[in-house]
């Protein structure tokens, strides 16, 4: 395994963990209806992206 791959993996893990942490801190201050709305939007966006990837693989 190359050293560049190890550093790349560590960098990606730090980016993901920082996004999760700051998202958790930001969402904790929101009201429940806003949290529900964001959840619904995230589910719809994930479904759209999944469909796009499915079409690319055909």
PDB file of N, CA and C in Angstrom:
ATOM      1  N   UNK A   1       0.853  -1.183   0.000  1.00  0.00           N
ATOM      2  CA  UNK A   1       0.000   0.000   0.000  1.00  0.00           C
ATOM      3  C   UNK A   1       0.894   1.240   0.000  1.00  0.00           C
ATOM      4  N   UNK A   2       0.542   2.174  -0.844  1.00  0.00           N
ATOM      5  CA  UNK A   2       1.351   3.385  -0.945  1.00  0.00           C
ATOM      6  C   UNK A   2       1.056   4.329   0.216  1.00  0.00           C
ATOM      7  N   UNK A   3       2.028   5.138   0.536  1.00  0.00           N
ATOM      8  CA  UNK A   3       1.888   6.111   1.625  1.00  0.00           C
ATOM      9  C   UNK A   3       0.816   7.133   1.277  1.00  0.00           C
ATOM     10  N   UNK A   4       0.698   7.485  -0.025  1.00  0.00           N
ATOM     11  CA  UNK A   4      -0.304   8.460  -0.434  1.00  0.00           C
ATOM     12  C   UNK A   4      -1.714   7.959  -0.137  1.00  0.00           C
ATOM     13  N   UNK A   5      -1.936   6.664  -0.344  1.00  0.00           N
ATOM     14  CA  UNK A   5      -3.254   6.091  -0.073  1.00  0.00           C
ATOM     15  C   UNK A   5      -3.589   6.137   1.414  1.00  0.00           C
ATOM     16  N   UNK A   6      -2.598   5.907   2.246  1.00  0.00           N
ATOM     17  CA  UNK A   6      -2.820   5.950   3.693  1.00  0.00           C
ATOM     18  C   UNK A   6      -3.197   7.365   4.126  1.00  0.00           C
ATOM     19  N   UNK A   7      -2.444   8.363   3.636  1.00  0.00           N
ATOM     20  CA  UNK A   7      -2.762   9.747   3.987  1.00  0.00           C
ATOM     21  C   UNK A   7      -4.115  10.167   3.427  1.00  0.00           C
ATOM     22  N   UNK A   8      -4.436   9.710   2.231  1.00  0.00           N
ATOM     23  CA  UNK A   8      -5.728  10.023   1.630  1.00  0.00           C
ATOM     24  C   UNK A   8      -6.856   9.442   2.480  1.00  0.00           C
ATOM     25  N   UNK A   9      -6.701   8.201   2.908  1.00  0.00           N
ATOM     26  CA  UNK A   9      -7.722   7.558   3.738  1.00  0.00           C
ATOM     27  C   UNK A   9      -7.893   8.278   5.062  1.00  0.00           C
ATOM     28  N   UNK A  10      -6.794   8.651   5.689  1.00  0.00           N
ATOM     29  CA  UNK A  10      -6.864   9.381   6.963  1.00  0.00           C
ATOM     30  C   UNK A  10      -7.552  10.729   6.758  1.00  0.00           C
ATOM     31  N   UNK A  11      -7.235  11.424   5.682  1.00  0.00           N
ATOM     32  CA  UNK A  11      -7.865  12.714   5.388  1.00  0.00           C
ATOM     33  C   UNK A  11      -9.356  12.589   5.174  1.00  0.00           C
ATOM     34  N   UNK A  12      -9.761  11.566   4.424  1.00  0.00           N
ATOM     35  CA  UNK A  12     -11.185  11.359   4.177  1.00  0.00           C
ATOM     36  C   UNK A  12     -11.905  11.038   5.476  1.00  0.00           C
ATOM     37  N   UNK A  13     -11.307  10.223   6.327  1.00  0.00           N
ATOM     38  CA  UNK A  13     -11.938   9.893   7.613  1.00  0.00           C
ATOM     39  C   UNK A  13     -12.094  11.134   8.489  1.00  0.00           C
ATOM     40  N   UNK A  14     -11.089  12.012   8.508  1.00  0.00           N
ATOM     41  CA  UNK A  14     -11.190  13.241   9.278  1.00  0.00           C
ATOM     42  C   UNK A  14     -12.274  14.161   8.721  1.00  0.00           C
ATOM     43  N   UNK A  15     -12.376  14.251   7.409  1.00  0.00           N
ATOM     44  CA  UNK A  15     -13.413  15.093   6.800  1.00  0.00           C
ATOM     45  C   UNK A  15     -14.794  14.561   7.141  1.00  0.00           C
ATOM     46  N   UNK A  16     -14.989  13.255   7.015  1.00  0.00           N
ATOM     47  CA  UNK A  16     -16.293  12.664   7.331  1.00  0.00           C
ATOM     48  C   UNK A  16     -16.635  12.869   8.798  1.00  0.00           C
ATOM     49  N   UNK A  17     -15.675  12.656   9.681  1.00  0.00           N
ATOM     50  CA  UNK A  17     -15.963  12.814  11.111  1.00  0.00           C
ATOM     51  C   UNK A  17     -16.257  14.275  11.456  1.00  0.00           C
ATOM     52  N   UNK A  18     -15.572  15.220  10.828  1.00  0.00           N
ATOM     53  CA  UNK A  18     -15.849  16.632  11.120  1.00  0.00           C
ATOM     54  C   UNK A  18     -17.215  17.046  10.590  1.00  0.00           C
ATOM     55  N   UNK A  19     -17.598  16.544   9.422  1.00  0.00           N
ATOM     56  CA  UNK A  19     -18.927  16.860   8.889  1.00  0.00           C
ATOM     57  C   UNK A  19     -20.006  16.287   9.794  1.00  0.00           C
ATOM     58  N   UNK A  20     -19.820  15.058  10.252  1.00  0.00           N
ATOM     59  CA  UNK A  20     -20.805  14.441  11.152  1.00  0.00           C
ATOM     60  C   UNK A  20     -20.900  15.221  12.457  1.00  0.00           C
ATOM     61  N   UNK A  21     -19.764  15.613  13.015  1.00  0.00           N
ATOM     62  CA  UNK A  21     -19.766  16.349  14.280  1.00  0.00           C
ATOM     63  C   UNK A  21     -20.474  17.695  14.143  1.00  0.00           C
ATOM     64  N   UNK A  22     -20.092  18.489  13.152  1.00  0.00           N
ATOM     65  CA  UNK A  22     -20.689  19.807  13.007  1.00  0.00           C
ATOM     66  C   UNK A  22     -22.158  19.731  12.596  1.00  0.00           C
ATOM     67  N   UNK A  23     -22.522  18.715  11.820  1.00  0.00           N
ATOM     68  CA  UNK A  23     -23.929  18.527  11.477  1.00  0.00           C
ATOM     69  C   UNK A  23     -24.730  18.185  12.721  1.00  0.00           C
ATOM     70  N   UNK A  24     -24.186  17.331  13.560  1.00  0.00           N
ATOM     71  CA  UNK A  24     -24.858  16.959  14.799  1.00  0.00           C
ATOM     72  C   UNK A  24     -25.043  18.176  15.700  1.00  0.00           C
ATOM     73  N   UNK A  25     -24.024  18.996  15.815  1.00  0.00           N
ATOM     74  CA  UNK A  25     -24.115  20.194  16.651  1.00  0.00           C
ATOM     75  C   UNK A  25     -25.122  21.197  16.081  1.00  0.00           C
ATOM     76  N   UNK A  26     -25.151  21.334  14.759  1.00  0.00           N
ATOM     77  CA  UNK A  26     -26.064  22.274  14.134  1.00  0.00           C
ATOM     78  C   UNK A  26     -27.505  21.797  14.240  1.00  0.00           C
ATOM     79  N   UNK A  27     -27.741  20.528  13.975  1.00  0.00           N
ATOM     80  CA  UNK A  27     -29.102  19.994  13.979  1.00  0.00           C
ATOM     81  C   UNK A  27     -29.658  19.915  15.391  1.00  0.00           C
ATOM     82  N   UNK A  28     -28.826  19.789  16.389  1.00  0.00           N
ATOM     83  CA  UNK A  28     -29.307  19.690  17.771  1.00  0.00           C
ATOM     84  C   UNK A  28     -30.048  20.952  18.191  1.00  0.00           C
ATOM     85  N   UNK A  29     -29.709  22.091  17.599  1.00  0.00           N
ATOM     86  CA  UNK A  29     -30.347  23.350  17.971  1.00  0.00           C
ATOM     87  C   UNK A  29     -31.640  23.631  17.214  1.00  0.00           C
ATOM     88  N   UNK A  30     -31.970  22.814  16.220  1.00  0.00           N
ATOM     89  CA  UNK A  30     -33.156  23.064  15.416  1.00  0.00           C
ATOM     90  C   UNK A  30     -34.397  22.467  16.060  1.00  0.00           C
ATOM     91  N   UNK A  31     -35.550  23.003  15.667  1.00  0.00           N
ATOM     92  CA  UNK A  31     -36.812  22.473  16.189  1.00  0.00           C
ATOM     93  C   UNK A  31     -37.156  21.163  15.490  1.00  0.00           C
ATOM     94  N   UNK A  32     -38.081  20.401  16.081  1.00  0.00           N
ATOM     95  CA  UNK A  32     -38.440  19.091  15.541  1.00  0.00           C
ATOM     96  C   UNK A  32     -39.039  19.151  14.132  1.00  0.00           C
ATOM     97  N   UNK A  33     -39.938  20.108  13.821  1.00  0.00           N
ATOM     98  CA  UNK A  33     -40.448  20.151  12.439  1.00  0.00           C
ATOM     99  C   UNK A  33     -39.350  20.414  11.400  1.00  0.00           C
ATOM    100  N   UNK A  34     -38.375  21.229  11.751  1.00  0.00           N
ATOM    101  CA  UNK A  34     -37.276  21.499  10.825  1.00  0.00           C
ATOM    102  C   UNK A  34     -36.424  20.249  10.652  1.00  0.00           C
ATOM    103  N   UNK A  35     -36.187  19.519  11.734  1.00  0.00           N
ATOM    104  CA  UNK A  35     -35.427  18.274  11.646  1.00  0.00           C
ATOM    105  C   UNK A  35     -36.142  17.268  10.742  1.00  0.00           C
ATOM    106  N   UNK A  36     -37.469  17.175  10.888  1.00  0.00           N
ATOM    107  CA  UNK A  36     -38.245  16.265  10.060  1.00  0.00           C
ATOM    108  C   UNK A  36     -38.175  16.669   8.594  1.00  0.00           C
ATOM    109  N   UNK A  37     -38.273  17.947   8.318  1.00  0.00           N
ATOM    110  CA  UNK A  37     -38.193  18.445   6.949  1.00  0.00           C
ATOM    111  C   UNK A  37     -36.821  18.130   6.339  1.00  0.00           C
ATOM    112  N   UNK A  38     -35.761  18.369   7.096  1.00  0.00           N
ATOM    113  CA  UNK A  38     -34.419  18.055   6.603  1.00  0.00           C
ATOM    114  C   UNK A  38     -34.250  16.560   6.352  1.00  0.00           C
ATOM    115  N   UNK A  39     -34.835  15.732   7.207  1.00  0.00           N
ATOM    116  CA  UNK A  39     -34.758  14.290   7.021  1.00  0.00           C
ATOM    117  C   UNK A  39     -35.460  13.871   5.741  1.00  0.00           C
ATOM    118  N   UNK A  40     -36.637  14.423   5.502  1.00  0.00           N
ATOM    119  CA  UNK A  40     -37.390  14.092   4.288  1.00  0.00           C
ATOM    120  C   UNK A  40     -36.627  14.533   3.046  1.00  0.00           C
ATOM    121  N   UNK A  41     -36.050  15.726   3.083  1.00  0.00           N
ATOM    122  CA  UNK A  41     -35.265  16.217   1.949  1.00  0.00           C
ATOM    123  C   UNK A  41     -34.050  15.322   1.708  1.00  0.00           C
ATOM    124  N   UNK A  42     -33.392  14.886   2.777  1.00  0.00           N
ATOM    125  CA  UNK A  42     -32.225  14.013   2.635  1.00  0.00           C
ATOM    126  C   UNK A  42     -32.614  12.666   2.034  1.00  0.00           C
ATOM    127  N   UNK A  43     -33.761  12.135   2.433  1.00  0.00           N
ATOM    128  CA  UNK A  43     -34.224  10.855   1.887  1.00  0.00           C
ATOM    129  C   UNK A  43     -34.542  10.992   0.404  1.00  0.00           C
ATOM    130  N   UNK A  44     -35.212  12.069   0.030  1.00  0.00           N
ATOM    131  CA  UNK A  44     -35.544  12.294  -1.378  1.00  0.00           C
ATOM    132  C   UNK A  44     -34.271  12.472  -2.205  1.00  0.00           C
ATOM    133  N   UNK A  45     -33.328  13.259  -1.687  1.00  0.00           N
ATOM    134  CA  UNK A  45     -32.066  13.461  -2.409  1.00  0.00           C
ATOM    135  C   UNK A  45     -31.309  12.150  -2.563  1.00  0.00           C
ATOM    136  N   UNK A  46     -31.296  11.322  -1.530  1.00  0.00           N
ATOM    137  CA  UNK A  46     -30.615  10.030  -1.611  1.00  0.00           C
ATOM    138  C   UNK A  46     -31.277   9.119  -2.634  1.00  0.00           C
ATOM    139  N   UNK A  47     -32.603   9.139  -2.697  1.00  0.00           N
ATOM    140  CA  UNK A  47     -33.319   8.318  -3.672  1.00  0.00           C
ATOM    141  C   UNK A  47     -33.019   8.780  -5.093  1.00  0.00           C
ATOM    142  N   UNK A  48     -32.969  10.078  -5.303  1.00  0.00           N
ATOM    143  CA  UNK A  48     -32.668  10.609  -6.636  1.00  0.00           C
ATOM    144  C   UNK A  48     -31.246  10.227  -7.052  1.00  0.00           C
ATOM    145  N   UNK A  49     -30.298  10.371  -6.148  1.00  0.00           N
ATOM    146  CA  UNK A  49     -28.911  10.017  -6.460  1.00  0.00           C
ATOM    147  C   UNK A  49     -28.791   8.513  -6.732  1.00  0.00           C
ATOM    148  N   UNK A  50     -29.508   7.696  -5.959  1.00  0.00           N
ATOM    149  CA  UNK A  50     -29.478   6.246  -6.183  1.00  0.00           C
ATOM    150  C   UNK A  50     -30.031   5.909  -7.564  1.00  0.00           C
ATOM    151  N   UNK A  51     -31.101   6.566  -7.989  1.00  0.00           N
ATOM    152  CA  UNK A  51     -31.657   6.330  -9.313  1.00  0.00           C
ATOM    153  C   UNK A  51     -30.682   6.743 -10.408  1.00  0.00           C
ATOM    154  N   UNK A  52     -30.002   7.869 -10.201  1.00  0.00           N
ATOM    155  CA  UNK A  52     -29.012   8.318 -11.189  1.00  0.00           C
ATOM    156  C   UNK A  52     -27.880   7.317 -11.318  1.00  0.00           C
ATOM    157  N   UNK A  53     -27.392   6.794 -10.195  1.00  0.00           N
ATOM    158  CA  UNK A  53     -26.328   5.792 -10.234  1.00  0.00           C
ATOM    159  C   UNK A  53     -26.814   4.494 -10.882  1.00  0.00           C
ATOM    160  N   UNK A  54     -28.073   4.144 -10.647  1.00  0.00           N
ATOM    161  CA  UNK A  54     -28.616   2.935 -11.239  1.00  0.00           C
ATOM    162  C   UNK A  54     -28.676   3.067 -12.765  1.00  0.00           C
ATOM    163  N   UNK A  55     -29.033   4.269 -13.250  1.00  0.00           N
ATOM    164  CA  UNK A  55     -29.101   4.487 -14.693  1.00  0.00           C
ATOM    165  C   UNK A  55     -27.710   4.483 -15.309  1.00  0.00           C
ATOM    166  N   UNK A  56     -26.706   4.965 -14.578  1.00  0.00           N
ATOM    167  CA  UNK A  56     -25.341   4.990 -15.105  1.00  0.00           C
ATOM    168  C   UNK A  56     -24.806   3.575 -15.277  1.00  0.00           C
ATOM    169  N   UNK A  57     -25.165   2.670 -14.377  1.00  0.00           N
ATOM    170  CA  UNK A  57     -24.655   1.291 -14.433  1.00  0.00           C
ATOM    171  C   UNK A  57     -25.299   0.459 -15.520  1.00  0.00           C
ATOM    172  N   UNK A  58     -26.390   0.908 -16.127  1.00  0.00           N
ATOM    173  CA  UNK A  58     -27.060   0.117 -17.173  1.00  0.00           C
ATOM    174  C   UNK A  58     -26.383   0.249 -18.494  1.00  0.00           C
TER     175      UNK A  58
END
